[in-house]
Amino acid sequence: MSETTELIPVTEERWNELRDLKAEGQSYDELLGLLVQEHRRRRLTDATDRGLKDDDPQAWIED
């Protein structure tokens, strides 16, 4: 993993939600990676459930 430090402003409420989701020994980087992965899966599932056809499946998971 490359070491990049960025400050991401979040509310106290959001920070507490992230802290509650984080497993013991898990880094916030790992937690955020899992949240991104789950979001992409959900978007892909939603797209396929709607019956969207696309030649580029990557487009389904990109913003």
Foldseek 3Di string as FASTA:
>chain_A
DDDDDDDDDDDPVVVVVLVVVDDVPRDSVNSVVVVLVVQQVVQLVVCVVVVDDDPDSVVSRDD
